[in-house]
Amino acid sequence: MALIKCSECGKEMSDKATTCPHCGARHETGNAKAIRIILGIIILIISLYFLLSGINGM
């Protein structure tokens, strides 16, 4: 377990914690952040596909 600083209150907390024990701010773990980024990329690719196929279909 490593200690990190809370981005809201600046106090130390565990890197495994999902919320700060001092102020209650939510923090994403590394896995949650990676999943959110991957889902964002997938949604972007699908959106671009439909946008480009709509332009080519006109």
PDB file of N, CA and C in Angstrom:
ATOM      1  N   MET A   1       0.846  -1.175   0.000  1.00  0.00           N
ATOM      2  CA  MET A   1       0.000   0.000   0.000  1.00  0.00           C
ATOM      3  C   MET A   1       0.890   1.236   0.000  1.00  0.00           C
ATOM      4  N   ALA A   2       0.596   2.113  -0.923  1.00  0.00           N
ATOM      5  CA  ALA A   2       1.315   3.381  -0.999  1.00  0.00           C
ATOM      6  C   ALA A   2       0.379   4.505  -0.594  1.00  0.00           C
ATOM      7  N   LEU A   3       0.951   5.573  -0.111  1.00  0.00           N
ATOM      8  CA  LEU A   3       0.151   6.731   0.265  1.00  0.00           C
ATOM      9  C   LEU A   3       0.209   7.766  -0.849  1.00  0.00           C
ATOM     10  N   ILE A   4      -0.945   8.324  -1.172  1.00  0.00           N
ATOM     11  CA  ILE A   4      -1.042   9.386  -2.155  1.00  0.00           C
ATOM     12  C   ILE A   4      -1.754  10.568  -1.510  1.00  0.00           C
ATOM     13  N   LYS A   5      -1.658  11.726  -2.138  1.00  0.00           N
ATOM     14  CA  LYS A   5      -2.361  12.905  -1.613  1.00  0.00           C
ATOM     15  C   LYS A   5      -3.717  13.017  -2.296  1.00  0.00           C
ATOM     16  N   CYS A   6      -4.711  13.335  -1.505  1.00  0.00           N
ATOM     17  CA  CYS A   6      -6.053  13.568  -2.027  1.00  0.00           C
ATOM     18  C   CYS A   6      -6.028  14.827  -2.893  1.00  0.00           C
ATOM     19  N   SER A   7      -6.657  14.743  -4.062  1.00  0.00           N
ATOM     20  CA  SER A   7      -6.668  15.900  -4.953  1.00  0.00           C
ATOM     21  C   SER A   7      -7.587  17.011  -4.449  1.00  0.00           C
ATOM     22  N   GLU A   8      -8.479  16.695  -3.526  1.00  0.00           N
ATOM     23  CA  GLU A   8      -9.400  17.697  -2.985  1.00  0.00           C
ATOM     24  C   GLU A   8      -8.847  18.385  -1.740  1.00  0.00           C
ATOM     25  N   CYS A   9      -8.485  17.585  -0.715  1.00  0.00           N
ATOM     26  CA  CYS A   9      -8.066  18.185   0.555  1.00  0.00           C
ATOM     27  C   CYS A   9      -6.551  18.174   0.776  1.00  0.00           C
ATOM     28  N   GLY A  10      -5.821  17.373  -0.014  1.00  0.00           N
ATOM     29  CA  GLY A  10      -4.370  17.341   0.087  1.00  0.00           C
ATOM     30  C   GLY A  10      -3.810  16.440   1.176  1.00  0.00           C
ATOM     31  N   LYS A  11      -4.667  15.768   1.941  1.00  0.00           N
ATOM     32  CA  LYS A  11      -4.187  14.881   2.993  1.00  0.00           C
ATOM     33  C   LYS A  11      -3.838  13.526   2.399  1.00  0.00           C
ATOM     34  N   GLU A  12      -2.998  12.775   3.127  1.00  0.00           N
ATOM     35  CA  GLU A  12      -2.562  11.472   2.644  1.00  0.00           C
ATOM     36  C   GLU A  12      -3.650  10.431   2.815  1.00  0.00           C
ATOM     37  N   MET A  13      -3.703   9.522   1.807  1.00  0.00           N
ATOM     38  CA  MET A  13      -4.657   8.425   1.846  1.00  0.00           C
ATOM     39  C   MET A  13      -4.056   7.240   1.102  1.00  0.00           C
ATOM     40  N   SER A  14      -4.638   6.075   1.262  1.00  0.00           N
ATOM     41  CA  SER A  14      -4.171   4.876   0.588  1.00  0.00           C
ATOM     42  C   SER A  14      -4.456   4.970  -0.907  1.00  0.00           C
ATOM     43  N   ASP A  15      -3.548   4.423  -1.707  1.00  0.00           N
ATOM     44  CA  ASP A  15      -3.789   4.401  -3.152  1.00  0.00           C
ATOM     45  C   ASP A  15      -4.864   3.387  -3.533  1.00  0.00           C
ATOM     46  N   LYS A  16      -5.253   2.535  -2.610  1.00  0.00           N
ATOM     47  CA  LYS A  16      -6.300   1.538  -2.851  1.00  0.00           C
ATOM     48  C   LYS A  16      -7.692   2.071  -2.514  1.00  0.00           C
ATOM     49  N   ALA A  17      -7.767   3.170  -1.793  1.00  0.00           N
ATOM     50  CA  ALA A  17      -9.057   3.709  -1.348  1.00  0.00           C
ATOM     51  C   ALA A  17      -9.806   4.331  -2.524  1.00  0.00           C
ATOM     52  N   THR A  18     -11.129   4.161  -2.528  1.00  0.00           N
ATOM     53  CA  THR A  18     -11.953   4.770  -3.573  1.00  0.00           C
ATOM     54  C   THR A  18     -12.486   6.129  -3.133  1.00  0.00           C
ATOM     55  N   THR A  19     -12.504   6.375  -1.825  1.00  0.00           N
ATOM     56  CA  THR A  19     -12.892   7.686  -1.306  1.00  0.00           C
ATOM     57  C   THR A  19     -11.873   8.120  -0.254  1.00  0.00           C
ATOM     58  N   CYS A  20     -11.692   9.420  -0.128  1.00  0.00           N
ATOM     59  CA  CYS A  20     -10.778   9.963   0.865  1.00  0.00           C
ATOM     60  C   CYS A  20     -11.411   9.818   2.250  1.00  0.00           C
ATOM     61  N   PRO A  21     -10.689   9.264   3.223  1.00  0.00           N
ATOM     62  CA  PRO A  21     -11.250   9.114   4.562  1.00  0.00           C
ATOM     63  C   PRO A  21     -11.406  10.451   5.294  1.00  0.00           C
ATOM     64  N   HIS A  22     -10.746  11.490   4.811  1.00  0.00           N
ATOM     65  CA  HIS A  22     -10.798  12.793   5.471  1.00  0.00           C
ATOM     66  C   HIS A  22     -11.940  13.672   4.956  1.00  0.00           C
ATOM     67  N   CYS A  23     -12.081  13.757   3.626  1.00  0.00           N
ATOM     68  CA  CYS A  23     -13.091  14.667   3.063  1.00  0.00           C
ATOM     69  C   CYS A  23     -14.194  13.945   2.292  1.00  0.00           C
ATOM     70  N   GLY A  24     -14.003  12.658   2.003  1.00  0.00           N
ATOM     71  CA  GLY A  24     -15.024  11.883   1.311  1.00  0.00           C
ATOM     72  C   GLY A  24     -15.008  12.011  -0.205  1.00  0.00           C
ATOM     73  N   ALA A  25     -14.012  12.701  -0.771  1.00  0.00           N
ATOM     74  CA  ALA A  25     -13.931  12.857  -2.223  1.00  0.00           C
ATOM     75  C   ALA A  25     -13.686  11.503  -2.874  1.00  0.00           C
ATOM     76  N   ARG A  26     -14.360  11.268  -4.008  1.00  0.00           N
ATOM     77  CA  ARG A  26     -14.196  10.005  -4.731  1.00  0.00           C
ATOM     78  C   ARG A  26     -12.908  10.033  -5.550  1.00  0.00           C
ATOM     79  N   HIS A  27     -12.203   8.909  -5.571  1.00  0.00           N
ATOM     80  CA  HIS A  27     -10.977   8.764  -6.349  1.00  0.00           C
ATOM     81  C   HIS A  27     -11.062   7.483  -7.142  1.00  0.00           C
ATOM     82  N   GLU A  28     -10.609   7.528  -8.393  1.00  0.00           N
ATOM     83  CA  GLU A  28     -10.611   6.352  -9.237  1.00  0.00           C
ATOM     84  C   GLU A  28      -9.314   5.585  -9.036  1.00  0.00           C
ATOM     85  N   THR A  29      -9.436   4.276  -9.006  1.00  0.00           N
ATOM     86  CA  THR A  29      -8.236   3.443  -8.987  1.00  0.00           C
ATOM     87  C   THR A  29      -7.685   3.389 -10.405  1.00  0.00           C
ATOM     88  N   GLY A  30      -6.497   2.857 -10.574  1.00  0.00           N
ATOM     89  CA  GLY A  30      -5.881   2.768 -11.896  1.00  0.00           C
ATOM     90  C   GLY A  30      -6.719   1.981 -12.878  1.00  0.00           C
ATOM     91  N   ASN A  31      -7.344   0.882 -12.428  1.00  0.00           N
ATOM     92  CA  ASN A  31      -8.159   0.056 -13.316  1.00  0.00           C
ATOM     93  C   ASN A  31      -9.400   0.800 -13.779  1.00  0.00           C
ATOM     94  N   ALA A  32     -10.061   1.502 -12.892  1.00  0.00           N
ATOM     95  CA  ALA A  32     -11.275   2.229 -13.253  1.00  0.00           C
ATOM     96  C   ALA A  32     -10.952   3.334 -14.257  1.00  0.00           C
ATOM     97  N   LYS A  33      -9.838   3.989 -14.083  1.00  0.00           N
ATOM     98  CA  LYS A  33      -9.444   5.064 -14.990  1.00  0.00           C
ATOM     99  C   LYS A  33      -9.124   4.490 -16.373  1.00  0.00           C
ATOM    100  N   ALA A  34      -8.443   3.356 -16.418  1.00  0.00           N
ATOM    101  CA  ALA A  34      -8.100   2.726 -17.693  1.00  0.00           C
ATOM    102  C   ALA A  34      -9.356   2.271 -18.426  1.00  0.00           C
ATOM    103  N   ILE A  35     -10.301   1.707 -17.702  1.00  0.00           N
ATOM    104  CA  ILE A  35     -11.551   1.259 -18.322  1.00  0.00           C
ATOM    105  C   ILE A  35     -12.318   2.444 -18.883  1.00  0.00           C
ATOM    106  N   ARG A  36     -12.369   3.547 -18.158  1.00  0.00           N
ATOM    107  CA  ARG A  36     -13.071   4.746 -18.624  1.00  0.00           C
ATOM    108  C   ARG A  36     -12.431   5.291 -19.896  1.00  0.00           C
ATOM    109  N   ILE A  37     -11.115   5.281 -19.976  1.00  0.00           N
ATOM    110  CA  ILE A  37     -10.415   5.765 -21.163  1.00  0.00           C
ATOM    111  C   ILE A  37     -10.694   4.852 -22.357  1.00  0.00           C
ATOM    112  N   ILE A  38     -10.637   3.543 -22.151  1.00  0.00           N
ATOM    113  CA  ILE A  38     -10.887   2.585 -23.231  1.00  0.00           C
ATOM    114  C   ILE A  38     -12.318   2.724 -23.751  1.00  0.00           C
ATOM    115  N   LEU A  39     -13.294   2.844 -22.842  1.00  0.00           N
ATOM    116  CA  LEU A  39     -14.682   3.016 -23.270  1.00  0.00           C
ATOM    117  C   LEU A  39     -14.866   4.314 -24.050  1.00  0.00           C
ATOM    118  N   GLY A  40     -14.194   5.368 -23.635  1.00  0.00           N
ATOM    119  CA  GLY A  40     -14.261   6.631 -24.353  1.00  0.00           C
ATOM    120  C   GLY A  40     -13.716   6.513 -25.769  1.00  0.00           C
ATOM    121  N   ILE A  41     -12.627   5.793 -25.924  1.00  0.00           N
ATOM    122  CA  ILE A  41     -12.033   5.591 -27.248  1.00  0.00           C
ATOM    123  C   ILE A  41     -12.971   4.769 -28.131  1.00  0.00           C
ATOM    124  N   ILE A  42     -13.577   3.728 -27.570  1.00  0.00           N
ATOM    125  CA  ILE A  42     -14.511   2.899 -28.332  1.00  0.00           C
ATOM    126  C   ILE A  42     -15.709   3.724 -28.792  1.00  0.00           C
ATOM    127  N   ILE A  43     -16.261   4.537 -27.902  1.00  0.00           N
ATOM    128  CA  ILE A  43     -17.402   5.386 -28.269  1.00  0.00           C
ATOM    129  C   ILE A  43     -17.005   6.386 -29.349  1.00  0.00           C
ATOM    130  N   LEU A  44     -15.808   6.939 -29.256  1.00  0.00           N
ATOM    131  CA  LEU A  44     -15.322   7.875 -30.270  1.00  0.00           C
ATOM    132  C   LEU A  44     -15.200   7.191 -31.630  1.00  0.00           C
ATOM    133  N   ILE A  45     -14.648   5.991 -31.668  1.00  0.00           N
ATOM    134  CA  ILE A  45     -14.477   5.256 -32.928  1.00  0.00           C
ATOM    135  C   ILE A  45     -15.839   4.943 -33.545  1.00  0.00           C
ATOM    136  N   ILE A  46     -16.794   4.490 -32.727  1.00  0.00           N
ATOM    137  CA  ILE A  46     -18.131   4.182 -33.241  1.00  0.00           C
ATOM    138  C   ILE A  46     -18.801   5.445 -33.774  1.00  0.00           C
ATOM    139  N   SER A  47     -18.670   6.547 -33.069  1.00  0.00           N
ATOM    140  CA  SER A  47     -19.263   7.815 -33.512  1.00  0.00           C
ATOM    141  C   SER A  47     -18.659   8.262 -34.836  1.00  0.00           C
ATOM    142  N   LEU A  48     -17.357   8.166 -34.961  1.00  0.00           N
ATOM    143  CA  LEU A  48     -16.698   8.542 -36.210  1.00  0.00           C
ATOM    144  C   LEU A  48     -17.130   7.642 -37.357  1.00  0.00           C
ATOM    145  N   TYR A  49     -17.294   6.375 -37.101  1.00  0.00           N
ATOM    146  CA  TYR A  49     -17.751   5.437 -38.117  1.00  0.00           C
ATOM    147  C   TYR A  49     -19.114   5.858 -38.655  1.00  0.00           C
ATOM    148  N   PHE A  50     -20.064   6.115 -37.756  1.00  0.00           N
ATOM    149  CA  PHE A  50     -21.395   6.507 -38.192  1.00  0.00           C
ATOM    150  C   PHE A  50     -21.386   7.870 -38.874  1.00  0.00           C
ATOM    151  N   LEU A  51     -20.588   8.780 -38.405  1.00  0.00           N
ATOM    152  CA  LEU A  51     -20.482  10.096 -39.023  1.00  0.00           C
ATOM    153  C   LEU A  51     -19.946   9.981 -40.440  1.00  0.00           C
ATOM    154  N   LEU A  52     -18.864   9.235 -40.607  1.00  0.00           N
ATOM    155  CA  LEU A  52     -18.248   9.090 -41.933  1.00  0.00           C
ATOM    156  C   LEU A  52     -19.122   8.268 -42.873  1.00  0.00           C
ATOM    157  N   SER A  53     -19.803   7.255 -42.375  1.00  0.00           N
ATOM    158  CA  SER A  53     -20.669   6.459 -43.244  1.00  0.00           C
ATOM    159  C   SER A  53     -21.889   7.284 -43.652  1.00  0.00           C
ATOM    160  N   GLY A  54     -22.345   8.191 -42.808  1.00  0.00           N
ATOM    161  CA  GLY A  54     -23.455   9.076 -43.163  1.00  0.00           C
ATOM    162  C   GLY A  54     -23.053  10.083 -44.211  1.00  0.00           C
ATOM    163  N   ILE A  55     -21.828  10.585 -44.137  1.00  0.00           N
ATOM    164  CA  ILE A  55     -21.348  11.543 -45.124  1.00  0.00           C
ATOM    165  C   ILE A  55     -21.154  10.856 -46.473  1.00  0.00           C
ATOM    166  N   ASN A  56     -20.621   9.647 -46.487  1.00  0.00           N
ATOM    167  CA  ASN A  56     -20.385   8.919 -47.735  1.00  0.00           C
ATOM    168  C   ASN A  56     -21.677   8.419 -48.349  1.00  0.00           C
ATOM    169  N   GLY A  57     -22.732   8.247 -47.532  1.00  0.00           N
ATOM    170  CA  GLY A  57     -23.997   7.735 -48.041  1.00  0.00           C
ATOM    171  C   GLY A  57     -24.863   8.782 -48.706  1.00  0.00           C
ATOM    172  N   MET A  58     -24.512  10.044 -48.577  1.00  0.00           N
ATOM    173  CA  MET A  58     -25.352  11.122 -49.147  1.00  0.00           C
ATOM    174  C   MET A  58     -25.214  11.210 -50.608  1.00  0.00           C
TER     175      MET A  58
END
